[in-house]
Amino acid sequence: MGKETLKFKENLLYMQGIITSVTDGGVEIDLKGRLGSMSLPMRMLITDYDLRPGLTIGFMMSHPEVESDGIDETYRKTRAKEENV
């Protein structure tokens, strides 16, 4: 599967969130509009500012779409190994 199979293409929405936590590896963001939260690694952030809780984040995002009803085999095998350790 790939992006060519998605039904909704080029439907980007501007979204905002508030940084709630900053670590050496990334940030935790609460999304505005009661949409939940997400964690991002530092390498994904573009900023000219020192990061700290309370700063507003803006980004473009589309609607997530389930690509198929099949389970990804690589994911399944990795999870099975982790559970057996």
N, C-alpha and C. Protein backbone atom coordinates (compact mmCIF):
# COMPACT_ATOMS: atom_id res chain seq x y z
N MET A 1 0.83 -1.19 0.00
CA MET A 1 0.00 0.00 0.00
C MET A 1 0.87 1.24 0.00
N GLY A 2 0.35 2.29 -0.54
CA GLY A 2 1.08 3.55 -0.57
C GLY A 2 0.12 4.71 -0.70
N LYS A 3 0.68 5.91 -0.77
CA LYS A 3 -0.18 7.10 -0.80
C LYS A 3 -1.06 7.17 -2.04
N GLU A 4 -0.69 6.44 -3.11
CA GLU A 4 -1.52 6.46 -4.31
C GLU A 4 -2.85 5.75 -4.11
N THR A 5 -2.99 4.93 -3.06
CA THR A 5 -4.24 4.22 -2.81
C THR A 5 -5.20 4.98 -1.90
N LEU A 6 -4.77 6.10 -1.34
CA LEU A 6 -5.63 6.86 -0.44
C LEU A 6 -6.78 7.51 -1.20
N LYS A 7 -7.93 7.57 -0.58
CA LYS A 7 -9.12 8.14 -1.21
C LYS A 7 -9.11 9.67 -1.18
N PHE A 8 -8.60 10.24 -0.09
CA PHE A 8 -8.61 11.69 0.07
C PHE A 8 -7.19 12.21 -0.04
N LYS A 9 -6.88 12.86 -1.15
CA LYS A 9 -5.54 13.39 -1.38
C LYS A 9 -5.55 14.91 -1.26
N GLU A 10 -4.42 15.43 -0.85
CA GLU A 10 -4.22 16.88 -0.84
C GLU A 10 -5.28 17.64 -0.03
N ASN A 11 -5.72 17.08 1.06
CA ASN A 11 -6.72 17.72 1.90
C ASN A 11 -6.07 18.15 3.22
N LEU A 12 -5.14 19.08 3.15
CA LEU A 12 -4.40 19.50 4.33
C LEU A 12 -5.19 20.51 5.15
N LEU A 13 -5.14 20.33 6.47
CA LEU A 13 -5.80 21.22 7.41
C LEU A 13 -4.75 21.83 8.33
N TYR A 14 -4.89 23.10 8.63
CA TYR A 14 -4.00 23.74 9.60
C TYR A 14 -4.49 23.38 11.00
N MET A 15 -3.59 22.86 11.82
CA MET A 15 -3.94 22.47 13.18
C MET A 15 -2.97 23.13 14.14
N GLN A 16 -3.40 23.22 15.41
CA GLN A 16 -2.56 23.80 16.45
C GLN A 16 -2.58 22.93 17.69
N GLY A 17 -1.55 23.10 18.48
CA GLY A 17 -1.47 22.41 19.77
C GLY A 17 -0.58 23.21 20.70
N ILE A 18 -0.53 22.75 21.94
CA ILE A 18 0.27 23.39 22.98
C ILE A 18 1.29 22.38 23.48
N ILE A 19 2.56 22.79 23.55
CA ILE A 19 3.58 21.91 24.11
C ILE A 19 3.30 21.74 25.60
N THR A 20 3.21 20.48 26.03
CA THR A 20 2.96 20.20 27.45
C THR A 20 4.18 19.62 28.15
N SER A 21 5.11 19.07 27.38
CA SER A 21 6.29 18.44 27.97
C SER A 21 7.43 18.48 26.96
N VAL A 22 8.64 18.75 27.47
CA VAL A 22 9.84 18.78 26.63
C VAL A 22 10.88 17.86 27.25
N THR A 23 11.44 16.94 26.46
CA THR A 23 12.54 16.09 26.90
C THR A 23 13.69 16.25 25.92
N ASP A 24 14.82 15.59 26.19
CA ASP A 24 15.94 15.63 25.26
C ASP A 24 15.56 15.05 23.91
N GLY A 25 14.63 14.09 23.90
CA GLY A 25 14.28 13.39 22.68
C GLY A 25 13.11 13.95 21.91
N GLY A 26 12.25 14.74 22.55
CA GLY A 26 11.08 15.22 21.84
C GLY A 26 10.14 16.05 22.69
N VAL A 27 8.94 16.25 22.16
CA VAL A 27 7.93 17.04 22.86
C VAL A 27 6.60 16.29 22.87
N GLU A 28 5.79 16.58 23.85
CA GLU A 28 4.41 16.10 23.94
C GLU A 28 3.53 17.31 23.67
N ILE A 29 2.54 17.12 22.81
CA ILE A 29 1.68 18.22 22.39
C ILE A 29 0.22 17.86 22.63
N ASP A 30 -0.53 18.74 23.30
CA ASP A 30 -1.98 18.61 23.41
C ASP A 30 -2.58 19.36 22.23
N LEU A 31 -3.37 18.67 21.42
CA LEU A 31 -3.97 19.29 20.25
C LEU A 31 -5.19 20.10 20.65
N LYS A 32 -5.34 21.26 20.04
CA LYS A 32 -6.52 22.09 20.30
C LYS A 32 -7.75 21.45 19.68
N GLY A 33 -8.90 21.74 20.23
CA GLY A 33 -10.15 21.21 19.72
C GLY A 33 -10.47 19.82 20.25
N ARG A 34 -9.92 19.48 21.40
CA ARG A 34 -10.17 18.17 22.05
C ARG A 34 -9.85 17.00 21.13
N LEU A 35 -8.76 17.14 20.38
CA LEU A 35 -8.37 16.09 19.44
C LEU A 35 -7.35 15.12 20.00
N GLY A 36 -6.98 15.29 21.27
CA GLY A 36 -6.04 14.36 21.89
C GLY A 36 -4.64 14.95 21.98
N SER A 37 -3.66 14.07 21.98
CA SER A 37 -2.28 14.51 22.11
C SER A 37 -1.39 13.67 21.19
N MET A 38 -0.16 14.14 21.00
CA MET A 38 0.80 13.38 20.23
C MET A 38 2.20 13.71 20.71
N SER A 39 3.09 12.77 20.49
CA SER A 39 4.51 12.94 20.82
C SER A 39 5.29 13.05 19.51
N LEU A 40 6.22 13.98 19.48
CA LEU A 40 7.06 14.16 18.31
C LEU A 40 8.52 14.16 18.71
N PRO A 41 9.37 13.50 17.91
CA PRO A 41 10.81 13.59 18.18
C PRO A 41 11.33 14.97 17.78
N MET A 42 12.41 15.40 18.42
CA MET A 42 12.99 16.72 18.14
C MET A 42 13.33 16.89 16.66
N ARG A 43 13.74 15.80 16.00
CA ARG A 43 14.15 15.92 14.59
C ARG A 43 13.00 16.32 13.67
N MET A 44 11.75 16.22 14.15
CA MET A 44 10.60 16.58 13.33
C MET A 44 10.15 18.02 13.54
N LEU A 45 10.76 18.73 14.48
CA LEU A 45 10.34 20.10 14.78
C LEU A 45 11.20 21.12 14.06
N ILE A 46 10.55 22.16 13.58
CA ILE A 46 11.22 23.30 12.99
C ILE A 46 10.98 24.47 13.94
N THR A 47 12.04 25.01 14.49
CA THR A 47 11.87 26.11 15.44
C THR A 47 13.10 26.99 15.53
N ASP A 48 12.89 28.25 15.82
CA ASP A 48 13.96 29.20 16.12
C ASP A 48 13.96 29.55 17.61
N TYR A 49 13.12 28.89 18.40
CA TYR A 49 12.91 29.24 19.80
C TYR A 49 13.35 28.11 20.72
N ASP A 50 13.68 28.46 21.97
CA ASP A 50 13.93 27.45 22.99
C ASP A 50 12.58 26.84 23.36
N LEU A 51 12.49 25.54 23.28
CA LEU A 51 11.22 24.87 23.54
C LEU A 51 10.92 24.82 25.03
N ARG A 52 9.65 25.07 25.38
CA ARG A 52 9.20 24.99 26.77
C ARG A 52 7.70 24.78 26.78
N PRO A 53 7.18 24.18 27.84
CA PRO A 53 5.73 23.98 27.93
C PRO A 53 4.99 25.30 27.81
N GLY A 54 3.87 25.26 27.09
CA GLY A 54 3.03 26.43 26.91
C GLY A 54 3.14 27.05 25.52
N LEU A 55 4.21 26.74 24.79
CA LEU A 55 4.35 27.29 23.44
C LEU A 55 3.34 26.66 22.50
N THR A 56 2.87 27.45 21.55
CA THR A 56 1.91 26.97 20.55
C THR A 56 2.65 26.38 19.36
N ILE A 57 2.15 25.25 18.88
CA ILE A 57 2.70 24.57 17.70
C ILE A 57 1.64 24.64 16.60
N GLY A 58 2.06 24.93 15.39
CA GLY A 58 1.17 24.91 14.24
C GLY A 58 1.70 23.92 13.21
N PHE A 59 0.83 23.21 12.55
CA PHE A 59 1.26 22.23 11.55
C PHE A 59 0.12 21.89 10.60
N MET A 60 0.48 21.32 9.48
CA MET A 60 -0.50 20.89 8.48
C MET A 60 -0.69 19.38 8.62
N MET A 61 -1.94 18.94 8.54
CA MET A 61 -2.24 17.52 8.68
C MET A 61 -3.48 17.19 7.87
N SER A 62 -3.53 15.98 7.39
CA SER A 62 -4.70 15.51 6.68
C SER A 62 -5.44 14.53 7.59
N HIS A 63 -6.55 14.03 7.12
CA HIS A 63 -7.29 13.05 7.89
C HIS A 63 -6.63 11.68 7.75
N PRO A 64 -6.34 10.99 8.87
CA PRO A 64 -5.78 9.64 8.77
C PRO A 64 -6.78 8.70 8.10
N GLU A 65 -6.28 7.83 7.25
CA GLU A 65 -7.14 6.88 6.54
C GLU A 65 -6.56 5.48 6.67
N VAL A 66 -7.38 4.52 7.07
CA VAL A 66 -6.95 3.13 7.14
C VAL A 66 -6.77 2.62 5.72
N GLU A 67 -5.57 2.08 5.42
CA GLU A 67 -5.25 1.69 4.05
C GLU A 67 -5.86 0.36 3.64
N SER A 68 -5.97 -0.58 4.56
CA SER A 68 -6.54 -1.89 4.23
C SER A 68 -7.00 -2.57 5.50
N ASP A 69 -7.67 -3.72 5.35
CA ASP A 69 -8.12 -4.44 6.54
C ASP A 69 -7.12 -5.52 6.96
N GLY A 70 -5.97 -5.61 6.28
CA GLY A 70 -4.95 -6.60 6.63
C GLY A 70 -3.96 -6.05 7.64
N ILE A 71 -3.52 -6.92 8.56
CA ILE A 71 -2.53 -6.54 9.56
C ILE A 71 -1.15 -6.52 8.90
N ASP A 72 -0.36 -5.49 9.19
CA ASP A 72 1.00 -5.39 8.67
C ASP A 72 1.84 -6.51 9.29
N GLU A 73 2.40 -7.38 8.45
CA GLU A 73 3.12 -8.56 8.93
C GLU A 73 4.39 -8.20 9.69
N THR A 74 5.10 -7.17 9.27
CA THR A 74 6.31 -6.76 9.99
C THR A 74 5.94 -6.31 11.40
N TYR A 75 4.88 -5.54 11.53
CA TYR A 75 4.41 -5.09 12.85
C TYR A 75 4.01 -6.29 13.70
N ARG A 76 3.25 -7.22 13.12
CA ARG A 76 2.78 -8.39 13.87
C ARG A 76 3.95 -9.21 14.40
N LYS A 77 4.96 -9.45 13.55
CA LYS A 77 6.12 -10.25 13.95
C LYS A 77 6.93 -9.55 15.04
N THR A 78 7.09 -8.24 14.91
CA THR A 78 7.84 -7.48 15.92
C THR A 78 7.12 -7.53 17.26
N ARG A 79 5.82 -7.34 17.25
CA ARG A 79 5.02 -7.40 18.50
C ARG A 79 5.10 -8.78 19.13
N ALA A 80 5.05 -9.82 18.32
CA ALA A 80 5.12 -11.20 18.84
C ALA A 80 6.46 -11.45 19.52
N LYS A 81 7.55 -10.94 18.92
CA LYS A 81 8.88 -11.09 19.53
C LYS A 81 8.95 -10.35 20.85
N GLU A 82 8.42 -9.12 20.90
CA GLU A 82 8.44 -8.32 22.11
C GLU A 82 7.66 -8.98 23.23
N GLU A 83 6.54 -9.59 22.92
CA GLU A 83 5.70 -10.22 23.92
C GLU A 83 6.31 -11.52 24.46
N ASN A 84 7.19 -12.15 23.67
CA ASN A 84 7.82 -13.39 24.09
C ASN A 84 9.11 -13.18 24.86
N VAL A 85 9.57 -11.94 24.94
CA VAL A 85 10.82 -11.64 25.67
C VAL A 85 10.59 -11.59 27.15
